[in-house]
Amino acid sequence: MKLWKKAIFAFTLLSAALFLLLFIIMIPAGSIIPWASAVSVHPSTTAPSSPVSSSSSPKVTSHRRVARESEDMGSLLSEFSYLFQSFTEGELRRVIRSLVDRKVGRRTKRAKSAEACSLHQVVLTVSELGLGYESDETVRFRYCRGKCNRRLGNYDMVLKNVIMSKTSEKDITTKGGTAKTERAPYIRCCRPTKYENMSFFDNKAKFFTIQDVSARKCGCV
């Protein structure tokens, strides 16, 4: 709503400025033409009498000038109106496009946030893995990310019943013999179900192979 208010306010200011400009342009045109015609006729009164054809020619030229000025003013007015119309249409399209882009961005963010569990990858150096190896060699680290549904499998349901039952609380004990209460896993996590090895050379040209460091397949477990 704030964006629409700003757009309407801008359109109002623009229309007021254009109409003021047209008013300023039209006022001199209407006031100068009679004055010019009066000046052109005034010397003819002081000058000696001339034939009828010569006295009528200034009137004809003045009428032509008035008609020409009115035509020019009409064309200028139509041009300004077309310019204002095209400008407002462009601004409206821009506002609508920005609103649509915002909606699309929100939808894409929601879609990304609700993305299913899947495999992703990022390019890192071996030193950035944080495993203690010093190497500037770049590797592809694949990882799992996404959302898992809250549907419980048979294992989760059975484990929940076992943990929640009173008899299971007596059976599930710690080393000291005290009963340990546990919570059933209600939410499954997006984790790798298969791994792959990673091979590289360190800065001393020594070859290494790390086992099960990168994800190969993902699933909700």
C-alpha atoms as a PDB file:
ATOM      1  CA  MET A   1       0.000   0.000   0.000  1.00  0.00           C
ATOM      2  CA  LYS A   2       2.859   2.426   0.699  1.00  0.00           C
ATOM      3  CA  LEU A   3       4.184   1.882  -2.801  1.00  0.00           C
ATOM      4  CA  TRP A   4       0.809   2.689  -4.353  1.00  0.00           C
ATOM      5  CA  LYS A   5       0.504   5.853  -2.238  1.00  0.00           C
ATOM      6  CA  LYS A   6       3.918   7.030  -3.383  1.00  0.00           C
ATOM      7  CA  ALA A   7       3.037   6.321  -7.004  1.00  0.00           C
ATOM      8  CA  ILE A   8      -0.259   8.238  -6.788  1.00  0.00           C
ATOM      9  CA  PHE A   9       1.481  11.164  -5.095  1.00  0.00           C
ATOM     10  CA  ALA A  10       4.143  11.244  -7.823  1.00  0.00           C
ATOM     11  CA  PHE A  11       1.504  11.128 -10.568  1.00  0.00           C
ATOM     12  CA  THR A  12      -0.398  14.008  -8.938  1.00  0.00           C
ATOM     13  CA  LEU A  13       2.713  16.177  -8.753  1.00  0.00           C
ATOM     14  CA  LEU A  14       3.615  15.354 -12.330  1.00  0.00           C
ATOM     15  CA  SER A  15       0.153  16.202 -13.644  1.00  0.00           C
ATOM     16  CA  ALA A  16       0.133  19.498 -11.725  1.00  0.00           C
ATOM     17  CA  ALA A  17       3.543  20.426 -13.131  1.00  0.00           C
ATOM     18  CA  LEU A  18       2.513  19.598 -16.694  1.00  0.00           C
ATOM     19  CA  PHE A  19      -0.728  21.570 -16.470  1.00  0.00           C
ATOM     20  CA  LEU A  20       1.133  24.528 -14.976  1.00  0.00           C
ATOM     21  CA  LEU A  21       3.626  24.389 -17.822  1.00  0.00           C
ATOM     22  CA  LEU A  22       0.837  24.306 -20.395  1.00  0.00           C
ATOM     23  CA  PHE A  23      -0.867  27.243 -18.688  1.00  0.00           C
ATOM     24  CA  ILE A  24       2.346  29.289 -18.753  1.00  0.00           C
ATOM     25  CA  ILE A  25       2.865  28.474 -22.426  1.00  0.00           C
ATOM     26  CA  MET A  26      -0.707  29.300 -23.429  1.00  0.00           C
ATOM     27  CA  ILE A  27      -0.934  32.661 -21.607  1.00  0.00           C
ATOM     28  CA  PRO A  28       1.744  34.503 -23.629  1.00  0.00           C
ATOM     29  CA  ALA A  29       0.377  33.104 -26.866  1.00  0.00           C
ATOM     30  CA  GLY A  30      -3.079  34.562 -26.198  1.00  0.00           C
ATOM     31  CA  SER A  31      -1.801  37.926 -24.961  1.00  0.00           C
ATOM     32  CA  ILE A  32       0.939  38.555 -27.521  1.00  0.00           C
ATOM     33  CA  ILE A  33      -1.122  37.905 -30.632  1.00  0.00           C
ATOM     34  CA  PRO A  34      -3.735  40.717 -30.096  1.00  0.00           C
ATOM     35  CA  TRP A  35      -0.938  43.090 -29.105  1.00  0.00           C
ATOM     36  CA  ALA A  36       1.012  42.206 -32.220  1.00  0.00           C
ATOM     37  CA  SER A  37      -2.057  42.662 -34.398  1.00  0.00           C
ATOM     38  CA  ALA A  38      -2.771  46.032 -32.761  1.00  0.00           C
ATOM     39  CA  VAL A  39       0.787  47.179 -33.350  1.00  0.00           C
ATOM     40  CA  SER A  40       0.664  46.035 -36.942  1.00  0.00           C
ATOM     41  CA  VAL A  41      -2.596  47.901 -37.510  1.00  0.00           C
ATOM     42  CA  HIS A  42      -1.606  51.078 -35.610  1.00  0.00           C
ATOM     43  CA  PRO A  43       1.020  52.310 -38.097  1.00  0.00           C
ATOM     44  CA  SER A  44      -1.494  51.964 -40.891  1.00  0.00           C
ATOM     45  CA  THR A  45      -3.715  54.550 -39.167  1.00  0.00           C
ATOM     46  CA  THR A  46      -0.897  57.098 -38.907  1.00  0.00           C
ATOM     47  CA  ALA A  47       0.368  56.396 -42.394  1.00  0.00           C
ATOM     48  CA  PRO A  48      -1.255  58.072 -45.336  1.00  0.00           C
ATOM     49  CA  SER A  49      -4.306  56.479 -46.835  1.00  0.00           C
ATOM     50  CA  SER A  50      -3.629  53.535 -49.130  1.00  0.00           C
ATOM     51  CA  PRO A  51      -5.797  51.462 -51.393  1.00  0.00           C
ATOM     52  CA  VAL A  52      -8.307  48.982 -50.003  1.00  0.00           C
ATOM     53  CA  SER A  53      -6.258  45.970 -50.997  1.00  0.00           C
ATOM     54  CA  SER A  54      -3.208  47.169 -49.052  1.00  0.00           C
ATOM     55  CA  SER A  55      -5.262  47.926 -45.901  1.00  0.00           C
ATOM     56  CA  SER A  56      -6.963  44.543 -45.903  1.00  0.00           C
ATOM     57  CA  SER A  57      -3.723  42.528 -46.278  1.00  0.00           C
ATOM     58  CA  PRO A  58      -2.564  43.021 -42.614  1.00  0.00           C
ATOM     59  CA  LYS A  59      -5.908  41.689 -41.393  1.00  0.00           C
ATOM     60  CA  VAL A  60      -5.570  38.580 -43.525  1.00  0.00           C
ATOM     61  CA  THR A  61      -2.014  37.953 -42.330  1.00  0.00           C
ATOM     62  CA  SER A  62      -3.034  38.476 -38.695  1.00  0.00           C
ATOM     63  CA  HIS A  63      -5.859  35.950 -39.072  1.00  0.00           C
ATOM     64  CA  ARG A  64      -3.425  33.474 -40.600  1.00  0.00           C
ATOM     65  CA  ARG A  65      -1.010  34.005 -37.735  1.00  0.00           C
ATOM     66  CA  VAL A  66      -3.770  33.423 -35.178  1.00  0.00           C
ATOM     67  CA  ALA A  67      -4.843  30.233 -36.949  1.00  0.00           C
ATOM     68  CA  ARG A  68      -1.244  29.045 -37.174  1.00  0.00           C
ATOM     69  CA  GLU A  69      -0.612  29.799 -33.506  1.00  0.00           C
ATOM     70  CA  SER A  70      -3.781  27.944 -32.495  1.00  0.00           C
ATOM     71  CA  GLU A  71      -2.768  24.934 -34.580  1.00  0.00           C
ATOM     72  CA  ASP A  72       0.696  24.953 -33.032  1.00  0.00           C
ATOM     73  CA  MET A  73      -0.798  25.226 -29.559  1.00  0.00           C
ATOM     74  CA  GLY A  74      -3.187  22.343 -30.265  1.00  0.00           C
ATOM     75  CA  SER A  75      -0.371  20.146 -31.519  1.00  0.00           C
ATOM     76  CA  LEU A  76       1.745  21.078 -28.492  1.00  0.00           C
ATOM     77  CA  LEU A  77      -1.137  20.280 -26.157  1.00  0.00           C
ATOM     78  CA  SER A  78      -1.731  16.906 -27.805  1.00  0.00           C
ATOM     79  CA  GLU A  79       1.986  16.146 -27.633  1.00  0.00           C
ATOM     80  CA  PHE A  80       2.141  16.960 -23.926  1.00  0.00           C
ATOM     81  CA  SER A  81      -0.981  14.897 -23.236  1.00  0.00           C
ATOM     82  CA  TYR A  82       0.489  11.925 -25.108  1.00  0.00           C
ATOM     83  CA  LEU A  83       3.767  12.318 -23.234  1.00  0.00           C
ATOM     84  CA  PHE A  84       1.981  12.451 -19.886  1.00  0.00           C
ATOM     85  CA  GLN A  85      -0.146   9.416 -20.779  1.00  0.00           C
ATOM     86  CA  SER A  86       2.852   7.367 -21.858  1.00  0.00           C
ATOM     87  CA  PHE A  87       4.767   8.381 -18.732  1.00  0.00           C
ATOM     88  CA  THR A  88       1.955   7.399 -16.401  1.00  0.00           C
ATOM     89  CA  GLU A  89       1.466   4.084 -18.194  1.00  0.00           C
ATOM     90  CA  GLY A  90       5.168   3.352 -17.887  1.00  0.00           C
ATOM     91  CA  GLU A  91       5.173   4.210 -14.205  1.00  0.00           C
ATOM     92  CA  LEU A  92       2.114   2.054 -13.578  1.00  0.00           C
ATOM     93  CA  ARG A  93       3.722  -0.851 -15.398  1.00  0.00           C
ATOM     94  CA  ARG A  94       6.861  -0.382 -13.351  1.00  0.00           C
ATOM     95  CA  VAL A  95       4.903  -0.363 -10.096  1.00  0.00           C
ATOM     96  CA  ILE A  96       2.900  -3.436 -11.093  1.00  0.00           C
ATOM     97  CA  ARG A  97       6.078  -5.210 -12.198  1.00  0.00           C
ATOM     98  CA  SER A  98       7.764  -4.463  -8.879  1.00  0.00           C
ATOM     99  CA  LEU A  99       4.756  -5.775  -6.955  1.00  0.00           C
ATOM    100  CA  VAL A 100       4.670  -8.927  -9.080  1.00  0.00           C
ATOM    101  CA  ASP A 101       8.408  -9.430  -8.606  1.00  0.00           C
ATOM    102  CA  ARG A 102       7.986  -9.110  -4.851  1.00  0.00           C
ATOM    103  CA  LYS A 103       5.230 -11.720  -4.865  1.00  0.00           C
ATOM    104  CA  VAL A 104       7.301 -14.039  -7.025  1.00  0.00           C
ATOM    105  CA  GLY A 105      10.287 -13.521  -4.716  1.00  0.00           C
ATOM    106  CA  ARG A 106       8.191 -14.408  -1.684  1.00  0.00           C
ATOM    107  CA  ARG A 107       6.874 -17.499  -3.433  1.00  0.00           C
ATOM    108  CA  THR A 108      10.362 -18.603  -4.413  1.00  0.00           C
ATOM    109  CA  LYS A 109      11.567 -18.048  -0.848  1.00  0.00           C
ATOM    110  CA  ARG A 110       8.684 -20.144   0.444  1.00  0.00           C
ATOM    111  CA  ALA A 111       9.410 -22.797  -2.151  1.00  0.00           C
ATOM    112  CA  LYS A 112      13.080 -22.831  -1.168  1.00  0.00           C
ATOM    113  CA  SER A 113      12.209 -23.021   2.512  1.00  0.00           C
ATOM    114  CA  ALA A 114       9.813 -25.906   1.812  1.00  0.00           C
ATOM    115  CA  GLU A 115      12.276 -27.692  -0.486  1.00  0.00           C
ATOM    116  CA  ALA A 116      12.379 -31.433  -0.097  1.00  0.00           C
ATOM    117  CA  CYS A 117      15.443 -33.259   1.115  1.00  0.00           C
ATOM    118  CA  SER A 118      17.950 -33.283  -1.735  1.00  0.00           C
ATOM    119  CA  LEU A 119      21.654 -33.296  -2.560  1.00  0.00           C
ATOM    120  CA  HIS A 120      23.585 -30.028  -2.835  1.00  0.00           C
ATOM    121  CA  GLN A 121      27.218 -29.207  -3.456  1.00  0.00           C
ATOM    122  CA  VAL A 122      29.736 -26.455  -2.814  1.00  0.00           C
ATOM    123  CA  VAL A 123      33.311 -25.942  -4.007  1.00  0.00           C
ATOM    124  CA  LEU A 124      35.848 -25.621  -1.188  1.00  0.00           C
ATOM    125  CA  THR A 125      39.564 -25.942  -0.666  1.00  0.00           C
ATOM    126  CA  VAL A 126      40.836 -28.900   1.310  1.00  0.00           C
ATOM    127  CA  SER A 127      41.960 -26.565   4.096  1.00  0.00           C
ATOM    128  CA  GLU A 128      38.415 -25.200   4.372  1.00  0.00           C
ATOM    129  CA  LEU A 129      37.075 -28.671   5.159  1.00  0.00           C
ATOM    130  CA  GLY A 130      38.402 -28.287   8.699  1.00  0.00           C
ATOM    131  CA  LEU A 131      39.876 -31.781   8.925  1.00  0.00           C
ATOM    132  CA  GLY A 132      43.453 -30.660   9.563  1.00  0.00           C
ATOM    133  CA  TYR A 133      44.796 -31.007   6.020  1.00  0.00           C
ATOM    134  CA  GLU A 134      46.742 -28.137   4.467  1.00  0.00           C
ATOM    135  CA  SER A 135      46.047 -27.997   0.750  1.00  0.00           C
ATOM    136  CA  ASP A 136      44.976 -25.352  -1.734  1.00  0.00           C
ATOM    137  CA  GLU A 137      43.378 -27.943  -3.991  1.00  0.00           C
ATOM    138  CA  THR A 138      39.659 -27.419  -4.577  1.00  0.00           C
ATOM    139  CA  VAL A 139      37.161 -30.223  -4.072  1.00  0.00           C
ATOM    140  CA  ARG A 140      33.389 -30.599  -4.385  1.00  0.00           C
ATOM    141  CA  PHE A 141      31.756 -31.182  -1.046  1.00  0.00           C
ATOM    142  CA  ARG A 142      28.260 -32.622  -1.412  1.00  0.00           C
ATOM    143  CA  TYR A 143      25.815 -32.318   1.449  1.00  0.00           C
ATOM    144  CA  CYS A 144      22.141 -32.917   2.219  1.00  0.00           C
ATOM    145  CA  ARG A 145      19.633 -30.173   2.828  1.00  0.00           C
ATOM    146  CA  GLY A 146      15.876 -29.925   2.785  1.00  0.00           C
ATOM    147  CA  LYS A 147      12.682 -30.552   4.667  1.00  0.00           C
ATOM    148  CA  CYS A 148      11.416 -33.915   5.805  1.00  0.00           C
ATOM    149  CA  ASN A 149       7.769 -34.610   6.466  1.00  0.00           C
ATOM    150  CA  ARG A 150       6.585 -35.474   9.936  1.00  0.00           C
ATOM    151  CA  ARG A 151       5.208 -38.849   8.976  1.00  0.00           C
ATOM    152  CA  LEU A 152       6.428 -41.475  11.410  1.00  0.00           C
ATOM    153  CA  GLY A 153       7.648 -44.797  10.149  1.00  0.00           C
ATOM    154  CA  ASN A 154       6.944 -48.134  11.777  1.00  0.00           C
ATOM    155  CA  TYR A 155      10.254 -48.015  13.609  1.00  0.00           C
ATOM    156  CA  ASP A 156       9.497 -44.565  15.027  1.00  0.00           C
ATOM    157  CA  MET A 157       6.021 -45.595  16.153  1.00  0.00           C
ATOM    158  CA  VAL A 158       7.272 -48.732  17.875  1.00  0.00           C
ATOM    159  CA  LEU A 159      10.134 -46.868  19.530  1.00  0.00           C
ATOM    160  CA  LYS A 160       7.712 -44.217  20.734  1.00  0.00           C
ATOM    161  CA  ASN A 161       5.476 -46.814  22.338  1.00  0.00           C
ATOM    162  CA  VAL A 162       8.450 -48.572  23.925  1.00  0.00           C
ATOM    163  CA  ILE A 163       9.851 -45.382  25.421  1.00  0.00           C
ATOM    164  CA  MET A 164       6.492 -44.062  26.606  1.00  0.00           C
ATOM    165  CA  SER A 165       5.462 -47.267  28.314  1.00  0.00           C
ATOM    166  CA  LYS A 166       6.185 -47.669  32.021  1.00  0.00           C
ATOM    167  CA  THR A 167       7.855 -51.021  31.606  1.00  0.00           C
ATOM    168  CA  SER A 168      10.324 -49.652  29.088  1.00  0.00           C
ATOM    169  CA  GLU A 169      11.329 -46.877  31.484  1.00  0.00           C
ATOM    170  CA  LYS A 170      12.432 -49.546  33.953  1.00  0.00           C
ATOM    171  CA  ASP A 171      14.339 -51.445  31.286  1.00  0.00           C
ATOM    172  CA  ILE A 172      16.086 -48.422  29.791  1.00  0.00           C
ATOM    173  CA  THR A 173      18.586 -47.609  32.539  1.00  0.00           C
ATOM    174  CA  THR A 174      21.974 -45.989  32.763  1.00  0.00           C
ATOM    175  CA  LYS A 175      25.132 -47.551  34.159  1.00  0.00           C
ATOM    176  CA  GLY A 176      24.281 -46.349  37.644  1.00  0.00           C
ATOM    177  CA  GLY A 177      20.973 -48.201  37.577  1.00  0.00           C
ATOM    178  CA  THR A 178      18.769 -45.108  37.452  1.00  0.00           C
ATOM    179  CA  ALA A 179      15.991 -44.941  34.927  1.00  0.00           C
ATOM    180  CA  LYS A 180      16.611 -42.736  31.926  1.00  0.00           C
ATOM    181  CA  THR A 181      13.712 -40.992  30.232  1.00  0.00           C
ATOM    182  CA  GLU A 182      14.002 -40.410  26.501  1.00  0.00           C
ATOM    183  CA  ARG A 183      11.899 -38.657  23.929  1.00  0.00           C
ATOM    184  CA  ALA A 184      10.763 -40.347  20.792  1.00  0.00           C
ATOM    185  CA  PRO A 185      12.059 -38.936  17.494  1.00  0.00           C
ATOM    186  CA  TYR A 186       9.053 -37.097  16.090  1.00  0.00           C
ATOM    187  CA  ILE A 187      10.915 -35.297  13.275  1.00  0.00           C
ATOM    188  CA  ARG A 188      13.141 -37.015  10.769  1.00  0.00           C
ATOM    189  CA  CYS A 189      16.306 -35.296   9.571  1.00  0.00           C
ATOM    190  CA  CYS A 190      17.721 -34.902   6.085  1.00  0.00           C
ATOM    191  CA  ARG A 191      20.986 -36.840   6.198  1.00  0.00           C
ATOM    192  CA  PRO A 192      23.229 -38.764   3.813  1.00  0.00           C
ATOM    193  CA  THR A 193      22.297 -42.385   3.242  1.00  0.00           C
ATOM    194  CA  LYS A 194      25.385 -43.073   1.124  1.00  0.00           C
ATOM    195  CA  TYR A 195      28.819 -41.487   1.214  1.00  0.00           C
ATOM    196  CA  GLU A 196      31.719 -41.115  -1.181  1.00  0.00           C
ATOM    197  CA  ASN A 197      35.452 -40.787  -0.695  1.00  0.00           C
ATOM    198  CA  MET A 198      37.549 -37.736  -1.429  1.00  0.00           C
ATOM    199  CA  SER A 199      41.124 -37.800  -2.780  1.00  0.00           C
ATOM    200  CA  PHE A 200      43.569 -34.901  -3.027  1.00  0.00           C
ATOM    201  CA  PHE A 201      47.206 -33.774  -2.752  1.00  0.00           C
ATOM    202  CA  ASP A 202      48.332 -31.581   0.105  1.00  0.00           C
ATOM    203  CA  ASN A 203      50.777 -28.690  -0.151  1.00  0.00           C
ATOM    204  CA  LYS A 204      53.700 -31.119   0.274  1.00  0.00           C
ATOM    205  CA  ALA A 205      52.562 -33.190  -2.741  1.00  0.00           C
ATOM    206  CA  LYS A 206      51.403 -36.028  -0.506  1.00  0.00           C
ATOM    207  CA  PHE A 207      48.356 -37.975  -1.653  1.00  0.00           C
ATOM    208  CA  PHE A 208      45.436 -38.551   0.722  1.00  0.00           C
ATOM    209  CA  THR A 209      42.081 -40.292   0.504  1.00  0.00           C
ATOM    210  CA  ILE A 210      39.379 -39.519   3.081  1.00  0.00           C
ATOM    211  CA  GLN A 211      36.643 -42.071   3.640  1.00  0.00           C
ATOM    212  CA  ASP A 212      32.951 -41.126   3.813  1.00  0.00           C
ATOM    213  CA  VAL A 213      33.468 -37.372   3.767  1.00  0.00           C
ATOM    214  CA  SER A 214      31.011 -36.297   1.078  1.00  0.00           C
ATOM    215  CA  ALA A 215      27.376 -37.267   0.607  1.00  0.00           C
ATOM    216  CA  ARG A 216      26.376 -39.377  -2.363  1.00  0.00           C
ATOM    217  CA  LYS A 217      22.690 -39.893  -1.671  1.00  0.00           C
ATOM    218  CA  CYS A 218      20.279 -38.188   0.725  1.00  0.00           C
ATOM    219  CA  GLY A 219      17.194 -39.275   2.592  1.00  0.00           C
ATOM    220  CA  CYS A 220      15.024 -38.563   5.610  1.00  0.00           C
ATOM    221  CA  VAL A 221      16.257 -40.699   8.489  1.00  0.00           C
END
